[in-house]
Structure formats: C-alpha cells, structure tokens
Amino acid sequence: MCPGGFILPTATSPGELVVNGMSPSRRDSEFANSGIVVAINVEDMDAYKSYGPLAGLQMQSELERKIWSAGGKTQSAPAQRLIDFCQNKISPSLNRSSYIPGLSAAPMHEILPDFIRMRLQEGFKTFGKKLKGYYTNEAQIIGLESRTSSPVRIPRDKLTLMHPEVSGLFPCAEGAGYAGGIVSAAMDGEQCAEQVWKMFERG
C-alpha cells in the first residue's frame, strides 16, 4: 500500500509495459495505490513447459507485451474500474490517476489470463465484504505490476530449505522465487533462518 503515492512506469525494454507504486516521504499526494498480488502456480504455466526453468520468465514477458499493446503500444496503461472488472464490463470512463503517462480504458477481464482474472476478482469481492468502501467503481485497476517476485525459482529442498546440490545455500524470499511481497518475504526469511540455525545445531 502506497498512501499519498504515485504509480510509475517501470518498463526496462521497448515494447513492454510495467507499473509500480511508490510514496514520497511526505505522503501528501491526493492519491493512493496498492499492488494486489495473486499466486501463480506451476500448473498455471503448462503452456510454457518447453521453456523449462524459464517458463515463468516467458509468461511474464508475453503478458507485459500484451499489456503494452492494450495501452495503445505506448506507456499509457490499460485500466478498468474495479466493479466493472469484477463484472466483466468495459468501463466507459476512468477516474483521475497519479499515473502521468495516462490511462487507456481496456477490458482487463479479457486481457489477463483466466487464472489471474478469477483470483483477482475473488480477492476484490472478498476484500469488499471485509473493508467498507473497498469494493467501488471509484477505484480502478491499472496494469500491470508484474515484477513483484522473481519468475525464476531457485530449487531448494522442501524440508531443509537448502539447495539440493549446494550445501549451505538457502534460496530465500522474492529474489529466489519464494515470496511475493514484503510480508511473505519476511516470513520466508524467518523460516530459512530457522533452518540455518538447525544446520549449525547439528554441527
């Protein structure tokens, strides 16, 4: 959550669109934004099996190019009002936004893969039941923050959390593909630290 923050373009190559959020130290902008994270499982990437360990990277790359096309092949970001997205309706207009390159109304419910769309829609509706005022068309989704965690996972043993071939190496958190945000990264780091301690206890 970035209170009083801005959404920024963060693409690193031509022909792709990526966004991210930030807050200046004063947090005094009239806007706020949140990155909403959904899990992507191994079985979701069946269509990319031929890419081996880089399957997630290929899926990420294709989606970022698709989002770029949906924004008019510029850094204008495709967007949709929140309830419209959850009801699979095209938004006839959009809200004002902190995203300076501008927004383009787009059917995000059609652009996103079904497994991402369905998980986002379910999450938004659930949030709306728990947080009064959350589920509203005064909010909008803007795509796409696609680099929350690494699309490539470094292997590790499920019990010891150690790399199966490199003794003493504990792949951990976002960079290793085991977390998708600050809290989940901290939790994964804690679990790895416990396993490191156990390794030293065993001698």
Protein backbone atom coordinates (compact mmCIF):
# COMPACT_ATOMS: atom_id res chain seq x y z
CA MET A 1 0.00 0.00 0.00
CA CYS A 2 1.39 3.41 -1.04
CA PRO A 3 -0.60 6.14 0.78
CA GLY A 4 -0.29 9.56 -0.78
CA GLY A 5 1.69 7.92 -3.54
CA PHE A 6 2.11 7.61 -7.26
CA ILE A 7 2.01 4.91 -9.91
CA LEU A 8 5.09 4.98 -12.12
CA PRO A 9 6.12 3.41 -15.44
CA THR A 10 8.91 0.89 -14.78
CA ALA A 11 9.43 -0.98 -18.05
CA THR A 12 13.03 -1.90 -18.86
CA SER A 13 12.77 -2.66 -22.58
CA PRO A 14 10.86 -1.35 -25.61
CA GLY A 15 7.54 -2.99 -26.36
CA GLU A 16 6.55 -3.77 -22.79
CA LEU A 17 4.52 -2.06 -20.09
CA VAL A 18 5.18 -2.46 -16.35
CA VAL A 19 3.99 -0.25 -13.48
CA ASN A 20 4.89 0.06 -9.82
CA GLY A 21 3.82 2.23 -6.89
CA MET A 22 5.74 4.49 -4.52
CA SER A 23 5.14 7.13 -1.87
CA PRO A 24 7.27 10.25 -1.29
CA SER A 25 8.31 10.69 2.34
CA ARG A 26 5.60 13.30 2.99
CA ARG A 27 2.85 11.02 1.61
CA ASP A 28 0.84 14.09 0.74
CA SER A 29 -0.48 13.22 -2.71
CA GLU A 30 -4.25 13.04 -3.09
CA PHE A 31 -3.85 9.51 -4.49
CA ALA A 32 -3.16 6.09 -3.00
CA ASN A 33 -2.37 2.81 -4.71
CA SER A 34 -1.91 -0.82 -3.76
CA GLY A 35 -0.22 -3.68 -5.56
CA ILE A 36 -2.60 -6.67 -5.42
CA VAL A 37 -0.70 -9.97 -5.61
CA VAL A 38 -2.09 -13.32 -6.73
CA ALA A 39 -0.32 -16.67 -6.64
CA ILE A 40 0.81 -18.23 -9.90
CA ASN A 41 1.27 -21.97 -9.57
CA VAL A 42 3.44 -24.35 -11.58
CA GLU A 43 0.37 -25.87 -13.24
CA ASP A 44 -0.66 -22.39 -14.48
CA MET A 45 2.40 -22.41 -16.73
CA ASP A 46 1.70 -25.67 -18.60
CA ALA A 47 1.63 -23.78 -21.91
CA TYR A 48 5.24 -22.71 -21.30
CA LYS A 49 6.71 -26.08 -20.32
CA SER A 50 9.00 -26.07 -23.35
CA TYR A 51 10.92 -23.14 -21.79
CA GLY A 52 11.97 -25.28 -18.82
CA PRO A 53 13.13 -23.30 -15.76
CA LEU A 54 12.50 -20.05 -17.67
CA ALA A 55 8.78 -20.79 -18.22
CA GLY A 56 7.73 -18.07 -15.76
CA LEU A 57 10.01 -15.52 -17.39
CA GLN A 58 8.50 -16.22 -20.81
CA MET A 59 4.94 -15.93 -19.47
CA GLN A 60 5.81 -12.64 -17.74
CA SER A 61 7.40 -11.26 -20.91
CA GLU A 62 4.41 -12.17 -23.10
CA LEU A 63 1.96 -10.63 -20.65
CA GLU A 64 3.93 -7.37 -20.42
CA ARG A 65 3.91 -7.10 -24.22
CA LYS A 66 0.18 -7.84 -24.30
CA ILE A 67 -0.47 -5.08 -21.75
CA TRP A 68 1.67 -2.68 -23.80
CA SER A 69 -0.46 -3.42 -26.87
CA ALA A 70 -3.67 -2.91 -24.88
CA GLY A 71 -2.43 0.54 -23.85
CA GLY A 72 -2.01 1.57 -27.48
CA LYS A 73 1.63 0.49 -27.77
CA THR A 74 2.75 3.45 -25.67
CA GLN A 75 3.36 3.80 -21.92
CA SER A 76 -0.31 4.66 -21.47
CA ALA A 77 -1.54 1.96 -19.08
CA PRO A 78 -4.70 -0.07 -19.67
CA ALA A 79 -7.19 0.37 -16.83
CA GLN A 80 -10.71 -0.55 -15.75
CA ARG A 81 -12.96 0.49 -12.88
CA LEU A 82 -12.95 -2.11 -10.11
CA ILE A 83 -16.58 -3.26 -10.11
CA ASP A 84 -16.64 -3.20 -13.92
CA PHE A 85 -13.63 -5.53 -13.90
CA CYS A 86 -15.28 -7.92 -11.45
CA GLN A 87 -18.47 -7.93 -13.50
CA ASN A 88 -16.62 -8.32 -16.84
CA LYS A 89 -17.88 -4.97 -18.12
CA ILE A 90 -15.94 -2.40 -20.14
CA SER A 91 -15.61 0.93 -18.30
CA PRO A 92 -16.99 3.79 -20.41
CA SER A 93 -14.81 6.24 -18.46
CA LEU A 94 -11.97 6.16 -15.94
CA ASN A 95 -11.11 8.01 -12.74
CA ARG A 96 -8.27 10.50 -12.43
CA SER A 97 -4.95 8.87 -11.68
CA SER A 98 -1.42 9.65 -10.49
CA TYR A 99 -0.01 7.74 -13.47
CA ILE A 100 1.48 10.56 -15.56
CA PRO A 101 1.71 8.79 -18.98
CA GLY A 102 -2.07 8.42 -18.75
CA LEU A 103 -4.62 5.62 -18.81
CA SER A 104 -6.49 3.84 -21.58
CA ALA A 105 -9.84 2.17 -20.88
CA ALA A 106 -9.39 -1.52 -21.66
CA PRO A 107 -11.15 -4.84 -20.94
CA MET A 108 -8.68 -6.12 -18.36
CA HIS A 109 -11.01 -9.06 -17.71
CA GLU A 110 -10.24 -10.22 -21.25
CA ILE A 111 -6.56 -9.27 -21.36
CA LEU A 112 -5.45 -11.08 -18.21
CA PRO A 113 -5.17 -14.89 -18.24
CA ASP A 114 -8.23 -16.55 -16.71
CA PHE A 115 -6.35 -17.89 -13.68
CA ILE A 116 -5.16 -14.37 -12.81
CA ARG A 117 -8.51 -12.70 -13.59
CA MET A 118 -10.52 -15.14 -11.49
CA ARG A 119 -8.19 -14.88 -8.47
CA LEU A 120 -8.21 -11.09 -8.61
CA GLN A 121 -12.00 -10.91 -8.92
CA GLU A 122 -12.50 -13.28 -6.00
CA GLY A 123 -10.00 -11.34 -3.90
CA PHE A 124 -11.57 -7.94 -4.63
CA LYS A 125 -15.05 -9.20 -3.73
CA THR A 126 -13.76 -10.75 -0.51
CA PHE A 127 -11.93 -7.54 0.45
CA GLY A 128 -15.15 -5.64 -0.22
CA LYS A 129 -17.02 -7.74 2.34
CA LYS A 130 -14.37 -7.09 4.99
CA LEU A 131 -13.47 -3.45 4.30
CA LYS A 132 -16.32 -0.98 3.91
CA GLY A 133 -15.87 1.21 0.83
CA TYR A 134 -13.19 -1.00 -0.75
CA TYR A 135 -15.35 -2.53 -3.49
CA THR A 136 -16.31 0.51 -5.55
CA ASN A 137 -16.06 1.91 -9.05
CA GLU A 138 -14.28 4.90 -7.53
CA ALA A 139 -11.29 2.54 -7.52
CA GLN A 140 -9.72 1.16 -10.66
CA ILE A 141 -7.19 -1.46 -11.64
CA ILE A 142 -4.18 -0.38 -13.66
CA GLY A 143 -1.93 -2.90 -15.38
CA LEU A 144 0.44 -4.33 -14.92
CA GLU A 145 2.65 -4.72 -11.86
CA SER A 146 4.27 -7.97 -12.94
CA ARG A 147 7.63 -7.95 -11.15
CA THR A 148 6.67 -8.39 -7.53
CA SER A 149 8.80 -11.52 -7.29
CA SER A 150 11.21 -13.43 -9.49
CA PRO A 151 9.63 -15.50 -12.29
CA VAL A 152 12.54 -17.95 -11.95
CA ARG A 153 12.66 -20.16 -8.86
CA ILE A 154 15.97 -21.42 -7.49
CA PRO A 155 15.45 -25.04 -6.34
CA ARG A 156 15.53 -25.94 -2.65
CA ASP A 157 14.62 -28.94 -0.53
CA LYS A 158 11.09 -28.74 0.88
CA LEU A 159 12.15 -29.75 4.39
CA THR A 160 15.61 -28.23 4.88
CA LEU A 161 15.04 -25.25 2.53
CA MET A 162 18.62 -25.78 1.34
CA HIS A 163 19.66 -26.01 -2.30
CA PRO A 164 19.68 -29.71 -3.24
CA GLU A 165 23.17 -29.52 -4.75
CA VAL A 166 24.93 -26.65 -2.94
CA SER A 167 25.38 -27.29 0.78
CA GLY A 168 24.79 -24.23 2.95
CA LEU A 169 22.91 -22.28 0.27
CA PHE A 170 19.37 -21.32 1.31
CA PRO A 171 17.44 -19.72 -1.61
CA CYS A 172 15.09 -17.26 0.03
CA ALA A 173 12.25 -14.78 -0.47
CA GLU A 174 11.44 -12.72 -3.57
CA GLY A 175 14.72 -12.95 -5.47
CA ALA A 176 14.72 -16.74 -5.30
CA GLY A 177 11.05 -17.02 -6.26
CA TYR A 178 9.59 -17.95 -2.85
CA ALA A 179 7.73 -14.77 -1.88
CA GLY A 180 5.62 -12.04 -3.42
CA GLY A 181 5.85 -9.01 -1.16
CA ILE A 182 7.39 -7.61 2.00
CA VAL A 183 5.42 -9.70 4.49
CA SER A 184 5.71 -13.01 2.66
CA ALA A 185 9.43 -12.36 2.10
CA ALA A 186 9.92 -11.74 5.81
CA MET A 187 8.07 -14.94 6.69
CA ASP A 188 10.12 -16.97 4.22
CA GLY A 189 13.32 -15.40 5.53
CA GLU A 190 12.35 -16.38 9.08
CA GLN A 191 11.78 -19.98 8.00
CA CYS A 192 15.16 -20.10 6.24
CA ALA A 193 16.89 -18.59 9.28
CA GLU A 194 15.41 -21.34 11.45
CA GLN A 195 16.77 -23.98 9.08
CA VAL A 196 20.21 -22.35 9.08
CA TRP A 197 20.16 -22.48 12.90
CA LYS A 198 19.20 -26.15 12.82
CA MET A 199 22.08 -26.86 10.43
CA PHE A 200 24.56 -25.34 12.87
CA GLU A 201 22.94 -27.16 15.78
CA ARG A 202 23.52 -30.46 14.01
CA GLY A 203 27.16 -29.49 13.59
